[in-house]
PDB file of all heavy atoms in Angstrom:
ATOM      1  N   GLU A   1     -97.367 -19.852 -46.180  1.00  0.00           N
ATOM      2  CA  GLU A   1     -96.108 -19.885 -45.425  1.00  0.00           C
ATOM      3  C   GLU A   1     -95.133 -20.872 -46.055  1.00  0.00           C
ATOM      4  O   GLU A   1     -93.928 -20.615 -46.117  1.00  0.00           O
ATOM      5  CB  GLU A   1     -96.407 -20.271 -43.973  1.00  0.00           C
ATOM      6  CG  GLU A   1     -95.235 -20.114 -43.019  1.00  0.00           C
ATOM      7  CD  GLU A   1     -94.457 -21.398 -42.810  1.00  0.00           C
ATOM      8  OE1 GLU A   1     -94.988 -22.475 -43.170  1.00  0.00           O
ATOM      9  OE2 GLU A   1     -93.328 -21.340 -42.313  1.00  0.00           O
ATOM     10  N   VAL A   2     -95.647 -21.998 -46.560  1.00  0.00           N
ATOM     11  CA  VAL A   2     -94.805 -22.974 -47.254  1.00  0.00           C
ATOM     12  C   VAL A   2     -94.231 -22.358 -48.534  1.00  0.00           C
ATOM     13  O   VAL A   2     -93.043 -22.508 -48.841  1.00  0.00           O
ATOM     14  CB  VAL A   2     -95.616 -24.242 -47.584  1.00  0.00           C
ATOM     15  CG1 VAL A   2     -94.887 -25.101 -48.613  1.00  0.00           C
ATOM     16  CG2 VAL A   2     -95.861 -25.059 -46.322  1.00  0.00           C
ATOM     17  N   LEU A   3     -95.090 -21.658 -49.278  1.00  0.00           N
ATOM     18  CA  LEU A   3     -94.626 -20.996 -50.497  1.00  0.00           C
ATOM     19  C   LEU A   3     -93.551 -19.960 -50.181  1.00  0.00           C
ATOM     20  O   LEU A   3     -92.551 -19.852 -50.900  1.00  0.00           O
ATOM     21  CB  LEU A   3     -95.799 -20.331 -51.218  1.00  0.00           C
ATOM     22  CG  LEU A   3     -95.442 -19.533 -52.482  1.00  0.00           C
ATOM     23  CD1 LEU A   3     -94.801 -20.436 -53.531  1.00  0.00           C
ATOM     24  CD2 LEU A   3     -96.690 -18.852 -53.052  1.00  0.00           C
ATOM     25  N   GLU A   4     -93.738 -19.231 -49.090  1.00  0.00           N
ATOM     26  CA  GLU A   4     -92.747 -18.234 -48.684  1.00  0.00           C
ATOM     27  C   GLU A   4     -91.399 -18.896 -48.395  1.00  0.00           C
ATOM     28  O   GLU A   4     -90.346 -18.416 -48.842  1.00  0.00           O
ATOM     29  CB  GLU A   4     -93.237 -17.477 -47.460  1.00  0.00           C
ATOM     30  CG  GLU A   4     -92.273 -16.405 -46.975  1.00  0.00           C
ATOM     31  CD  GLU A   4     -92.808 -15.644 -45.776  1.00  0.00           C
ATOM     32  OE1 GLU A   4     -93.446 -16.296 -44.891  1.00  0.00           O
ATOM     33  OE2 GLU A   4     -92.608 -14.425 -45.707  1.00  0.00           O
ATOM     34  N   ARG A   5     -91.413 -19.991 -47.638  1.00  0.00           N
ATOM     35  CA  ARG A   5     -90.178 -20.715 -47.339  1.00  0.00           C
ATOM     36  C   ARG A   5     -89.489 -21.166 -48.624  1.00  0.00           C
ATOM     37  O   ARG A   5     -88.260 -21.097 -48.748  1.00  0.00           O
ATOM     38  CB  ARG A   5     -90.481 -21.922 -46.453  1.00  0.00           C
ATOM     39  CG  ARG A   5     -90.755 -21.572 -44.998  1.00  0.00           C
ATOM     40  CD  ARG A   5     -91.450 -22.715 -44.271  1.00  0.00           C
ATOM     41  NE  ARG A   5     -90.802 -24.002 -44.492  1.00  0.00           N
ATOM     42  CZ  ARG A   5     -91.404 -25.175 -44.298  1.00  0.00           C
ATOM     43  NH1 ARG A   5     -92.671 -25.225 -43.891  1.00  0.00           N
ATOM     44  NH2 ARG A   5     -90.753 -26.299 -44.496  1.00  0.00           N
ATOM     45  N   HIS A   6     -90.287 -21.628 -49.577  1.00  0.00           N
ATOM     46  CA  HIS A   6     -89.713 -22.121 -50.832  1.00  0.00           C
ATOM     47  C   HIS A   6     -89.099 -20.988 -51.644  1.00  0.00           C
ATOM     48  O   HIS A   6     -87.982 -21.128 -52.176  1.00  0.00           O
ATOM     49  CB  HIS A   6     -90.796 -22.822 -51.657  1.00  0.00           C
ATOM     50  CG  HIS A   6     -90.260 -23.484 -52.888  1.00  0.00           C
ATOM     51  ND1 HIS A   6     -89.603 -24.683 -52.860  1.00  0.00           N
ATOM     52  CD2 HIS A   6     -90.272 -23.086 -54.196  1.00  0.00           C
ATOM     53  CE1 HIS A   6     -89.228 -25.022 -54.084  1.00  0.00           C
ATOM     54  NE2 HIS A   6     -89.619 -24.049 -54.914  1.00  0.00           N
ATOM     55  N   LEU A   7     -89.797 -19.868 -51.748  1.00  0.00           N
ATOM     56  CA  LEU A   7     -89.284 -18.743 -52.525  1.00  0.00           C
ATOM     57  C   LEU A   7     -88.023 -18.163 -51.892  1.00  0.00           C
ATOM     58  O   LEU A   7     -87.122 -17.695 -52.595  1.00  0.00           O
ATOM     59  CB  LEU A   7     -90.360 -17.661 -52.657  1.00  0.00           C
ATOM     60  CG  LEU A   7     -91.615 -18.059 -53.448  1.00  0.00           C
ATOM     61  CD1 LEU A   7     -92.557 -16.875 -53.573  1.00  0.00           C
ATOM     62  CD2 LEU A   7     -91.256 -18.604 -54.829  1.00  0.00           C
ATOM     63  N   ILE A   8     -87.943 -18.199 -50.569  1.00  0.00           N
ATOM     64  CA  ILE A   8     -86.719 -17.759 -49.890  1.00  0.00           C
ATOM     65  C   ILE A   8     -85.577 -18.726 -50.201  1.00  0.00           C
ATOM     66  O   ILE A   8     -84.445 -18.314 -50.469  1.00  0.00           O
ATOM     67  CB  ILE A   8     -86.949 -17.670 -48.366  1.00  0.00           C
ATOM     68  CG1 ILE A   8     -87.896 -16.500 -48.041  1.00  0.00           C
ATOM     69  CG2 ILE A   8     -85.619 -17.484 -47.629  1.00  0.00           C
ATOM     70  CD1 ILE A   8     -88.310 -16.433 -46.588  1.00  0.00           C
ATOM     71  N   ALA A   9     -85.888 -20.020 -50.201  1.00  0.00           N
ATOM     72  CA  ALA A   9     -84.851 -21.040 -50.437  1.00  0.00           C
ATOM     73  C   ALA A   9     -84.255 -20.937 -51.837  1.00  0.00           C
ATOM     74  O   ALA A   9     -83.051 -21.195 -52.023  1.00  0.00           O
ATOM     75  CB  ALA A   9     -85.433 -22.438 -50.218  1.00  0.00           C
ATOM     76  N   ILE A  10     -85.054 -20.553 -52.838  1.00  0.00           N
ATOM     77  CA  ILE A  10     -84.540 -20.474 -54.214  1.00  0.00           C
ATOM     78  C   ILE A  10     -84.074 -19.063 -54.559  1.00  0.00           C
ATOM     79  O   ILE A  10     -83.698 -18.792 -55.707  1.00  0.00           O
ATOM     80  CB  ILE A  10     -85.592 -20.953 -55.241  1.00  0.00           C
ATOM     81  CG1 ILE A  10     -86.808 -20.023 -55.280  1.00  0.00           C
ATOM     82  CG2 ILE A  10     -85.997 -22.381 -54.954  1.00  0.00           C
ATOM     83  CD1 ILE A  10     -87.808 -20.385 -56.372  1.00  0.00           C
ATOM     84  N   GLY A  11     -84.104 -18.159 -53.578  1.00  0.00           N
ATOM     85  CA  GLY A  11     -83.561 -16.822 -53.784  1.00  0.00           C
ATOM     86  C   GLY A  11     -84.502 -15.821 -54.403  1.00  0.00           C
ATOM     87  O   GLY A  11     -84.075 -14.745 -54.836  1.00  0.00           O
ATOM     88  N   LEU A  12     -85.800 -16.133 -54.441  1.00  0.00           N
ATOM     89  CA  LEU A  12     -86.767 -15.218 -55.046  1.00  0.00           C
ATOM     90  C   LEU A  12     -87.318 -14.223 -54.031  1.00  0.00           C
ATOM     91  O   LEU A  12     -87.899 -13.209 -54.400  1.00  0.00           O
ATOM     92  CB  LEU A  12     -87.912 -16.008 -55.676  1.00  0.00           C
ATOM     93  CG  LEU A  12     -88.642 -15.365 -56.867  1.00  0.00           C
ATOM     94  CD1 LEU A  12     -87.651 -14.970 -57.947  1.00  0.00           C
ATOM     95  CD2 LEU A  12     -89.685 -16.309 -57.425  1.00  0.00           C
ATOM     96  N   MET A  13     -87.161 -14.531 -52.732  1.00  0.00           N
ATOM     97  CA  MET A  13     -87.570 -13.628 -51.660  1.00  0.00           C
ATOM     98  C   MET A  13     -86.447 -13.554 -50.630  1.00  0.00           C
ATOM     99  O   MET A  13     -85.641 -14.478 -50.509  1.00  0.00           O
ATOM    100  CB  MET A  13     -88.871 -14.101 -50.983  1.00  0.00           C
ATOM    101  CG  MET A  13     -90.120 -13.956 -51.814  1.00  0.00           C
ATOM    102  SD  MET A  13     -91.624 -14.432 -50.892  1.00  0.00           S
ATOM    103  CE  MET A  13     -91.709 -13.094 -49.686  1.00  0.00           C
ATOM    104  N   GLN A  14     -86.438 -12.475 -49.888  1.00  0.00           N
ATOM    105  CA  GLN A  14     -85.463 -12.313 -48.810  1.00  0.00           C
ATOM    106  C   GLN A  14     -86.125 -12.637 -47.478  1.00  0.00           C
ATOM    107  O   GLN A  14     -87.185 -12.100 -47.161  1.00  0.00           O
ATOM    108  CB  GLN A  14     -84.931 -10.871 -48.776  1.00  0.00           C
ATOM    109  CG  GLN A  14     -84.101 -10.490 -49.988  1.00  0.00           C
ATOM    110  CD  GLN A  14     -82.790 -11.251 -50.044  1.00  0.00           C
ATOM    111  OE1 GLN A  14     -82.188 -11.537 -49.012  1.00  0.00           O
ATOM    112  NE2 GLN A  14     -82.338 -11.572 -51.257  1.00  0.00           N
ATOM    113  N   GLY A  15     -85.522 -13.534 -46.710  1.00  0.00           N
ATOM    114  CA  GLY A  15     -86.050 -13.869 -45.400  1.00  0.00           C
ATOM    115  C   GLY A  15     -85.615 -12.845 -44.363  1.00  0.00           C
ATOM    116  O   GLY A  15     -84.608 -12.161 -44.529  1.00  0.00           O
ATOM    117  N   GLN A  16     -86.385 -12.742 -43.311  1.00  0.00           N
ATOM    118  CA  GLN A  16     -86.044 -11.839 -42.219  1.00  0.00           C
ATOM    119  C   GLN A  16     -85.133 -12.582 -41.247  1.00  0.00           C
ATOM    120  O   GLN A  16     -85.595 -13.341 -40.406  1.00  0.00           O
ATOM    121  CB  GLN A  16     -87.309 -11.345 -41.509  1.00  0.00           C
ATOM    122  CG  GLN A  16     -88.211 -10.506 -42.403  1.00  0.00           C
ATOM    123  CD  GLN A  16     -89.445 -10.017 -41.675  1.00  0.00           C
ATOM    124  OE1 GLN A  16     -89.749 -10.449 -40.569  1.00  0.00           O
ATOM    125  NE2 GLN A  16     -90.173  -9.111 -42.307  1.00  0.00           N
ATOM    126  N   GLN A  17     -83.839 -12.346 -41.407  1.00  0.00           N
ATOM    127  CA  GLN A  17     -82.852 -13.049 -40.602  1.00  0.00           C
ATOM    128  C   GLN A  17     -82.303 -12.131 -39.505  1.00  0.00           C
ATOM    129  O   GLN A  17     -82.032 -10.958 -39.747  1.00  0.00           O
ATOM    130  CB  GLN A  17     -81.696 -13.540 -41.478  1.00  0.00           C
ATOM    131  CG  GLN A  17     -82.121 -14.509 -42.565  1.00  0.00           C
ATOM    132  CD  GLN A  17     -82.589 -15.833 -42.007  1.00  0.00           C
ATOM    133  OE1 GLN A  17     -82.178 -16.234 -40.912  1.00  0.00           O
ATOM    134  NE2 GLN A  17     -83.431 -16.529 -42.740  1.00  0.00           N
ATOM    135  N   LEU A  18     -82.172 -12.698 -38.310  1.00  0.00           N
ATOM    136  CA  LEU A  18     -81.558 -11.954 -37.219  1.00  0.00           C
ATOM    137  C   LEU A  18     -80.048 -12.041 -37.334  1.00  0.00           C
ATOM    138  O   LEU A  18     -79.506 -13.079 -37.729  1.00  0.00           O
ATOM    139  CB  LEU A  18     -82.003 -12.530 -35.866  1.00  0.00           C
ATOM    140  CG  LEU A  18     -83.507 -12.496 -35.561  1.00  0.00           C
ATOM    141  CD1 LEU A  18     -83.766 -13.201 -34.232  1.00  0.00           C
ATOM    142  CD2 LEU A  18     -84.036 -11.077 -35.513  1.00  0.00           C
ATOM    143  N   ASP A  19     -79.356 -10.951 -37.002  1.00  0.00           N
ATOM    144  CA  ASP A  19     -77.903 -11.025 -37.017  1.00  0.00           C
ATOM    145  C   ASP A  19     -77.413 -11.740 -35.756  1.00  0.00           C
ATOM    146  O   ASP A  19     -78.193 -12.046 -34.842  1.00  0.00           O
ATOM    147  CB  ASP A  19     -77.271  -9.631 -37.148  1.00  0.00           C
ATOM    148  CG  ASP A  19     -77.666  -8.683 -36.020  1.00  0.00           C
ATOM    149  OD1 ASP A  19     -77.828  -9.138 -34.866  1.00  0.00           O
ATOM    150  OD2 ASP A  19     -77.819  -7.476 -36.285  1.00  0.00           O
ATOM    151  N   GLU A  20     -76.126 -12.021 -35.692  1.00  0.00           N
ATOM    152  CA  GLU A  20     -75.555 -12.807 -34.594  1.00  0.00           C
ATOM    153  C   GLU A  20     -75.770 -12.124 -33.241  1.00  0.00           C
ATOM    154  O   GLU A  20     -76.080 -12.775 -32.239  1.00  0.00           O
ATOM    155  CB  GLU A  20     -74.064 -13.031 -34.833  1.00  0.00           C
ATOM    156  CG  GLU A  20     -73.399 -13.954 -33.827  1.00  0.00           C
ATOM    157  CD  GLU A  20     -73.960 -15.359 -33.855  1.00  0.00           C
ATOM    158  OE1 GLU A  20     -74.496 -15.758 -34.906  1.00  0.00           O
ATOM    159  OE2 GLU A  20     -73.873 -16.052 -32.830  1.00  0.00           O
ATOM    160  N   GLU A  21     -75.649 -10.805 -33.213  1.00  0.00           N
ATOM    161  CA  GLU A  21     -75.827 -10.065 -31.961  1.00  0.00           C
ATOM    162  C   GLU A  21     -77.267 -10.184 -31.454  1.00  0.00           C
ATOM    163  O   GLU A  21     -77.496 -10.381 -30.257  1.00  0.00           O
ATOM    164  CB  GLU A  21     -75.468  -8.593 -32.184  1.00  0.00           C
ATOM    165  CG  GLU A  21     -75.544  -7.749 -30.910  1.00  0.00           C
ATOM    166  CD  GLU A  21     -75.133  -6.309 -31.141  1.00  0.00           C
ATOM    167  OE1 GLU A  21     -74.556  -6.022 -32.215  1.00  0.00           O
ATOM    168  OE2 GLU A  21     -75.378  -5.470 -30.254  1.00  0.00           O
ATOM    169  N   GLN A  22     -78.235 -10.098 -32.367  1.00  0.00           N
ATOM    170  CA  GLN A  22     -79.641 -10.233 -31.981  1.00  0.00           C
ATOM    171  C   GLN A  22     -79.945 -11.637 -31.484  1.00  0.00           C
ATOM    172  O   GLN A  22     -80.673 -11.815 -30.508  1.00  0.00           O
ATOM    173  CB  GLN A  22     -80.532  -9.886 -33.170  1.00  0.00           C
ATOM    174  CG  GLN A  22     -80.541  -8.413 -33.536  1.00  0.00           C
ATOM    175  CD  GLN A  22     -81.312  -8.154 -34.818  1.00  0.00           C
ATOM    176  OE1 GLN A  22     -81.165  -8.872 -35.808  1.00  0.00           O
ATOM    177  NE2 GLN A  22     -82.152  -7.131 -34.805  1.00  0.00           N
ATOM    178  N   ARG A  23     -79.382 -12.647 -32.157  1.00  0.00           N
ATOM    179  CA  ARG A  23     -79.614 -14.033 -31.732  1.00  0.00           C
ATOM    180  C   ARG A  23     -79.053 -14.287 -30.341  1.00  0.00           C
ATOM    181  O   ARG A  23     -79.688 -14.955 -29.514  1.00  0.00           O
ATOM    182  CB  ARG A  23     -79.000 -15.002 -32.747  1.00  0.00           C
ATOM    183  CG  ARG A  23     -79.788 -15.135 -34.036  1.00  0.00           C
ATOM    184  CD  ARG A  23     -79.343 -16.346 -34.823  1.00  0.00           C
ATOM    185  NE  ARG A  23     -77.982 -16.189 -35.313  1.00  0.00           N
ATOM    186  CZ  ARG A  23     -77.678 -15.689 -36.505  1.00  0.00           C
ATOM    187  NH1 ARG A  23     -78.636 -15.297 -37.308  1.00  0.00           N
ATOM    188  NH2 ARG A  23     -76.422 -15.593 -36.895  1.00  0.00           N
ATOM    189  N   LEU A  24     -77.861 -13.767 -30.067  1.00  0.00           N
ATOM    190  CA  LEU A  24     -77.260 -13.941 -28.747  1.00  0.00           C
ATOM    191  C   LEU A  24     -78.085 -13.227 -27.679  1.00  0.00           C
ATOM    192  O   LEU A  24     -78.296 -13.758 -26.582  1.00  0.00           O
ATOM    193  CB  LEU A  24     -75.826 -13.409 -28.754  1.00  0.00           C
ATOM    194  CG  LEU A  24     -74.800 -14.233 -29.539  1.00  0.00           C
ATOM    195  CD1 LEU A  24     -73.467 -13.513 -29.583  1.00  0.00           C
ATOM    196  CD2 LEU A  24     -74.650 -15.621 -28.931  1.00  0.00           C
ATOM    197  N   TYR A  25     -78.570 -12.036 -28.012  1.00  0.00           N
ATOM    198  CA  TYR A  25     -79.384 -11.266 -27.064  1.00  0.00           C
ATOM    199  C   TYR A  25     -80.672 -12.014 -26.715  1.00  0.00           C
ATOM    200  O   TYR A  25     -81.038 -12.133 -25.533  1.00  0.00           O
ATOM    201  CB  TYR A  25     -79.716  -9.900 -27.667  1.00  0.00           C
ATOM    202  CG  TYR A  25     -80.747  -9.120 -26.880  1.00  0.00           C
ATOM    203  CD1 TYR A  25     -80.406  -8.469 -25.696  1.00  0.00           C
ATOM    204  CD2 TYR A  25     -82.067  -9.049 -27.322  1.00  0.00           C
ATOM    205  CE1 TYR A  25     -81.352  -7.758 -24.976  1.00  0.00           C
ATOM    206  CE2 TYR A  25     -83.016  -8.342 -26.609  1.00  0.00           C
ATOM    207  CZ  TYR A  25     -82.660  -7.694 -25.435  1.00  0.00           C
ATOM    208  OH  TYR A  25     -83.606  -6.988 -24.723  1.00  0.00           O
ATOM    209  N   LEU A  26     -81.346 -12.555 -27.723  1.00  0.00           N
ATOM    210  CA  LEU A  26     -82.594 -13.274 -27.481  1.00  0.00           C
ATOM    211  C   LEU A  26     -82.343 -14.582 -26.738  1.00  0.00           C
ATOM    212  O   LEU A  26     -83.159 -15.000 -25.914  1.00  0.00           O
ATOM    213  CB  LEU A  26     -83.313 -13.543 -28.804  1.00  0.00           C
ATOM    214  CG  LEU A  26     -83.847 -12.299 -29.536  1.00  0.00           C
ATOM    215  CD1 LEU A  26     -84.500 -12.684 -30.847  1.00  0.00           C
ATOM    216  CD2 LEU A  26     -84.850 -11.544 -28.654  1.00  0.00           C
ATOM    217  N   ALA A  27     -81.214 -15.245 -27.032  1.00  0.00           N
ATOM    218  CA  ALA A  27     -80.877 -16.477 -26.308  1.00  0.00           C
ATOM    219  C   ALA A  27     -80.642 -16.186 -24.834  1.00  0.00           C
ATOM    220  O   ALA A  27     -81.074 -16.955 -23.958  1.00  0.00           O
ATOM    221  CB  ALA A  27     -79.637 -17.115 -26.942  1.00  0.00           C
ATOM    222  N   GLU A  28     -79.983 -15.078 -24.544  1.00  0.00           N
ATOM    223  CA  GLU A  28     -79.744 -14.691 -23.148  1.00  0.00           C
ATOM    224  C   GLU A  28     -81.069 -14.348 -22.458  1.00  0.00           C
ATOM    225  O   GLU A  28     -81.289 -14.728 -21.300  1.00  0.00           O
ATOM    226  CB  GLU A  28     -78.799 -13.490 -23.105  1.00  0.00           C
ATOM    227  CG  GLU A  28     -77.372 -13.815 -23.525  1.00  0.00           C
ATOM    228  CD  GLU A  28     -76.498 -12.575 -23.610  1.00  0.00           C
ATOM    229  OE1 GLU A  28     -77.026 -11.464 -23.335  1.00  0.00           O
ATOM    230  OE2 GLU A  28     -75.312 -12.706 -23.937  1.00  0.00           O
ATOM    231  N   LYS A  29     -81.942 -13.650 -23.155  1.00  0.00           N
ATOM    232  CA  LYS A  29     -83.249 -13.299 -22.603  1.00  0.00           C
ATOM    233  C   LYS A  29     -84.057 -14.551 -22.290  1.00  0.00           C
ATOM    234  O   LYS A  29     -84.687 -14.661 -21.224  1.00  0.00           O
ATOM    235  CB  LYS A  29     -84.021 -12.422 -23.604  1.00  0.00           C
ATOM    236  CG  LYS A  29     -83.653 -10.952 -23.595  1.00  0.00           C
ATOM    237  CD  LYS A  29     -84.304 -10.247 -22.425  1.00  0.00           C
ATOM    238  CE  LYS A  29     -84.138  -8.747 -22.494  1.00  0.00           C
ATOM    239  NZ  LYS A  29     -84.781  -8.056 -21.348  1.00  0.00           N
ATOM    240  N   ARG A  30     -84.025 -15.500 -23.212  1.00  0.00           N
ATOM    241  CA  ARG A  30     -84.791 -16.728 -23.019  1.00  0.00           C
ATOM    242  C   ARG A  30     -84.251 -17.532 -21.839  1.00  0.00           C
ATOM    243  O   ARG A  30     -85.017 -18.029 -21.008  1.00  0.00           O
ATOM    244  CB  ARG A  30     -84.749 -17.571 -24.297  1.00  0.00           C
ATOM    245  CG  ARG A  30     -85.471 -18.901 -24.158  1.00  0.00           C
ATOM    246  CD  ARG A  30     -85.648 -19.572 -25.491  1.00  0.00           C
ATOM    247  NE  ARG A  30     -86.360 -20.830 -25.349  1.00  0.00           N
ATOM    248  CZ  ARG A  30     -86.916 -21.489 -26.352  1.00  0.00           C
ATOM    249  NH1 ARG A  30     -86.853 -20.990 -27.569  1.00  0.00           N
ATOM    250  NH2 ARG A  30     -87.539 -22.622 -26.153  1.00  0.00           N
ATOM    251  N   ALA A  31     -82.917 -17.640 -21.763  1.00  0.00           N
ATOM    252  CA  ALA A  31     -82.308 -18.388 -20.661  1.00  0.00           C
ATOM    253  C   ALA A  31     -82.638 -17.745 -19.318  1.00  0.00           C
ATOM    254  O   ALA A  31     -82.945 -18.440 -18.335  1.00  0.00           O
ATOM    255  CB  ALA A  31     -80.794 -18.457 -20.868  1.00  0.00           C
ATOM    256  N   ALA A  32     -82.596 -16.408 -19.271  1.00  0.00           N
ATOM    257  CA  ALA A  32     -82.904 -15.704 -18.024  1.00  0.00           C
ATOM    258  C   ALA A  32     -84.362 -15.895 -17.641  1.00  0.00           C
ATOM    259  O   ALA A  32     -84.690 -16.089 -16.463  1.00  0.00           O
ATOM    260  CB  ALA A  32     -82.588 -14.215 -18.183  1.00  0.00           C
ATOM    261  N   TYR A  33     -85.252 -15.866 -18.614  1.00  0.00           N
ATOM    262  CA  TYR A  33     -86.684 -16.036 -18.332  1.00  0.00           C
ATOM    263  C   TYR A  33     -86.977 -17.443 -17.837  1.00  0.00           C
ATOM    264  O   TYR A  33     -87.727 -17.640 -16.880  1.00  0.00           O
ATOM    265  CB  TYR A  33     -87.490 -15.740 -19.598  1.00  0.00           C
ATOM    266  CG  TYR A  33     -88.987 -15.827 -19.407  1.00  0.00           C
ATOM    267  CD1 TYR A  33     -89.697 -14.781 -18.813  1.00  0.00           C
ATOM    268  CD2 TYR A  33     -89.697 -16.954 -19.814  1.00  0.00           C
ATOM    269  CE1 TYR A  33     -91.065 -14.863 -18.637  1.00  0.00           C
ATOM    270  CE2 TYR A  33     -91.066 -17.045 -19.644  1.00  0.00           C
ATOM    271  CZ  TYR A  33     -91.746 -15.993 -19.055  1.00  0.00           C
ATOM    272  OH  TYR A  33     -93.105 -16.080 -18.870  1.00  0.00           O
ATOM    273  N   GLU A  34     -86.368 -18.438 -18.482  1.00  0.00           N
ATOM    274  CA  GLU A  34     -86.590 -19.830 -18.067  1.00  0.00           C
ATOM    275  C   GLU A  34     -86.017 -20.082 -16.680  1.00  0.00           C
ATOM    276  O   GLU A  34     -86.597 -20.821 -15.876  1.00  0.00           O
ATOM    277  CB  GLU A  34     -85.980 -20.774 -19.101  1.00  0.00           C
ATOM    278  CG  GLU A  34     -86.730 -20.779 -20.419  1.00  0.00           C
ATOM    279  CD  GLU A  34     -86.011 -21.566 -21.501  1.00  0.00           C
ATOM    280  OE1 GLU A  34     -84.776 -21.733 -21.399  1.00  0.00           O
ATOM    281  OE2 GLU A  34     -86.674 -21.996 -22.457  1.00  0.00           O
ATOM    282  N   ALA A  35     -84.857 -19.470 -16.385  1.00  0.00           N
ATOM    283  CA  ALA A  35     -84.267 -19.615 -15.053  1.00  0.00           C
ATOM    284  C   ALA A  35     -85.160 -18.967 -14.004  1.00  0.00           C
ATOM    285  O   ALA A  35     -85.306 -19.484 -12.880  1.00  0.00           O
ATOM    286  CB  ALA A  35     -82.880 -18.982 -15.036  1.00  0.00           C
ATOM    287  N   GLN A  36     -85.771 -17.854 -14.364  1.00  0.00           N
ATOM    288  CA  GLN A  36     -86.674 -17.147 -13.449  1.00  0.00           C
ATOM    289  C   GLN A  36     -87.896 -17.990 -13.116  1.00  0.00           C
ATOM    290  O   GLN A  36     -88.370 -18.015 -11.979  1.00  0.00           O
ATOM    291  CB  GLN A  36     -87.101 -15.830 -14.093  1.00  0.00           C
ATOM    292  CG  GLN A  36     -88.090 -15.006 -13.271  1.00  0.00           C
ATOM    293  CD  GLN A  36     -88.481 -13.736 -14.001  1.00  0.00           C
ATOM    294  OE1 GLN A  36     -87.649 -13.060 -14.578  1.00  0.00           O
ATOM    295  NE2 GLN A  36     -89.758 -13.426 -13.991  1.00  0.00           N
ATOM    296  N   LEU A  37     -88.390 -18.730 -14.135  1.00  0.00           N
ATOM    297  CA  LEU A  37     -89.566 -19.581 -13.919  1.00  0.00           C
ATOM    298  C   LEU A  37     -89.192 -20.941 -13.339  1.00  0.00           C
ATOM    299  O   LEU A  37     -90.059 -21.678 -12.871  1.00  0.00           O
ATOM    300  CB  LEU A  37     -90.311 -19.798 -15.247  1.00  0.00           C
ATOM    301  CG  LEU A  37     -90.991 -18.574 -15.872  1.00  0.00           C
ATOM    302  CD1 LEU A  37     -91.699 -18.987 -17.158  1.00  0.00           C
ATOM    303  CD2 LEU A  37     -92.002 -17.956 -14.905  1.00  0.00           C
ATOM    304  N   GLY A  38     -87.907 -21.294 -13.456  1.00  0.00           N
ATOM    305  CA  GLY A  38     -87.470 -22.601 -12.984  1.00  0.00           C
ATOM    306  C   GLY A  38     -87.904 -23.722 -13.890  1.00  0.00           C
ATOM    307  O   GLY A  38     -88.209 -24.826 -13.437  1.00  0.00           O
ATOM    308  N   VAL A  39     -87.951 -23.443 -15.208  1.00  0.00           N
ATOM    309  CA  VAL A  39     -88.370 -24.472 -16.168  1.00  0.00           C
ATOM    310  C   VAL A  39     -87.163 -24.934 -16.963  1.00  0.00           C
ATOM    311  O   VAL A  39     -86.152 -24.236 -17.075  1.00  0.00           O
ATOM    312  CB  VAL A  39     -89.446 -23.937 -17.136  1.00  0.00           C
ATOM    313  CG1 VAL A  39     -90.685 -23.526 -16.369  1.00  0.00           C
ATOM    314  CG2 VAL A  39     -88.909 -22.764 -17.953  1.00  0.00           C
ATOM    315  N   ASN A  40     -87.279 -26.139 -17.517  1.00  0.00           N
ATOM    316  CA  ASN A  40     -86.210 -26.667 -18.355  1.00  0.00           C
ATOM    317  C   ASN A  40     -86.273 -26.042 -19.737  1.00  0.00           C
ATOM    318  O   ASN A  40     -87.345 -25.675 -20.218  1.00  0.00           O
ATOM    319  CB  ASN A  40     -86.348 -28.198 -18.484  1.00  0.00           C
ATOM    320  CG  ASN A  40     -86.130 -28.882 -17.154  1.00  0.00           C
ATOM    321  OD1 ASN A  40     -85.310 -28.439 -16.350  1.00  0.00           O
ATOM    322  ND2 ASN A  40     -86.880 -29.959 -16.923  1.00  0.00           N
ATOM    323  N   LYS A  41     -85.124 -25.960 -20.366  1.00  0.00           N
ATOM    324  CA  LYS A  41     -85.062 -25.397 -21.712  1.00  0.00           C
ATOM    325  C   LYS A  41     -85.790 -26.306 -22.687  1.00  0.00           C
ATOM    326  O   LYS A  41     -85.589 -27.517 -22.703  1.00  0.00           O
ATOM    327  CB  LYS A  41     -83.599 -25.246 -22.131  1.00  0.00           C
ATOM    328  CG  LYS A  41     -83.426 -24.611 -23.509  1.00  0.00           C
ATOM    329  CD  LYS A  41     -81.959 -24.431 -23.816  1.00  0.00           C
ATOM    330  CE  LYS A  41     -81.773 -23.794 -25.186  1.00  0.00           C
ATOM    331  NZ  LYS A  41     -80.347 -23.610 -25.504  1.00  0.00           N
ATOM    332  N   ALA A  42     -86.647 -25.710 -23.510  1.00  0.00           N
ATOM    333  CA  ALA A  42     -87.397 -26.499 -24.487  1.00  0.00           C
ATOM    334  C   ALA A  42     -86.476 -26.932 -25.616  1.00  0.00           C
ATOM    335  O   ALA A  42     -85.520 -26.256 -25.965  1.00  0.00           O
ATOM    336  CB  ALA A  42     -88.552 -25.672 -25.064  1.00  0.00           C
ATOM    337  N   GLU A  43     -86.766 -28.113 -26.166  1.00  0.00           N
ATOM    338  CA  GLU A  43     -85.992 -28.584 -27.302  1.00  0.00           C
ATOM    339  C   GLU A  43     -86.308 -27.716 -28.519  1.00  0.00           C
ATOM    340  O   GLU A  43     -87.396 -27.176 -28.626  1.00  0.00           O
ATOM    341  CB  GLU A  43     -86.346 -30.044 -27.606  1.00  0.00           C
ATOM    342  CG  GLU A  43     -85.880 -31.012 -26.541  1.00  0.00           C
ATOM    343  CD  GLU A  43     -84.368 -31.027 -26.401  1.00  0.00           C
ATOM    344  OE1 GLU A  43     -83.679 -30.932 -27.428  1.00  0.00           O
ATOM    345  OE2 GLU A  43     -83.880 -31.107 -25.263  1.00  0.00           O
ATOM    346  N   PRO A  44     -85.368 -27.563 -29.450  1.00  0.00           N
ATOM    347  CA  PRO A  44     -85.623 -26.764 -30.647  1.00  0.00           C
ATOM    348  C   PRO A  44     -86.874 -27.238 -31.374  1.00  0.00           C
ATOM    349  O   PRO A  44     -87.056 -28.423 -31.618  1.00  0.00           O
ATOM    350  CB  PRO A  44     -84.367 -26.999 -31.502  1.00  0.00           C
ATOM    351  CG  PRO A  44     -83.309 -27.343 -30.509  1.00  0.00           C
ATOM    352  CD  PRO A  44     -84.007 -28.101 -29.417  1.00  0.00           C
TER     353      PRO A  44
END
């Protein structure tokens, strides 16, 4: 996994990146789930 991160960083591999719409969708899902459970948002 470390080697993978390094090869992505130097441009030898392509990382699986979410687009902005997907990131917003997952953030909304996470916020709704945490609100449903009544838990605090976890730190990054």
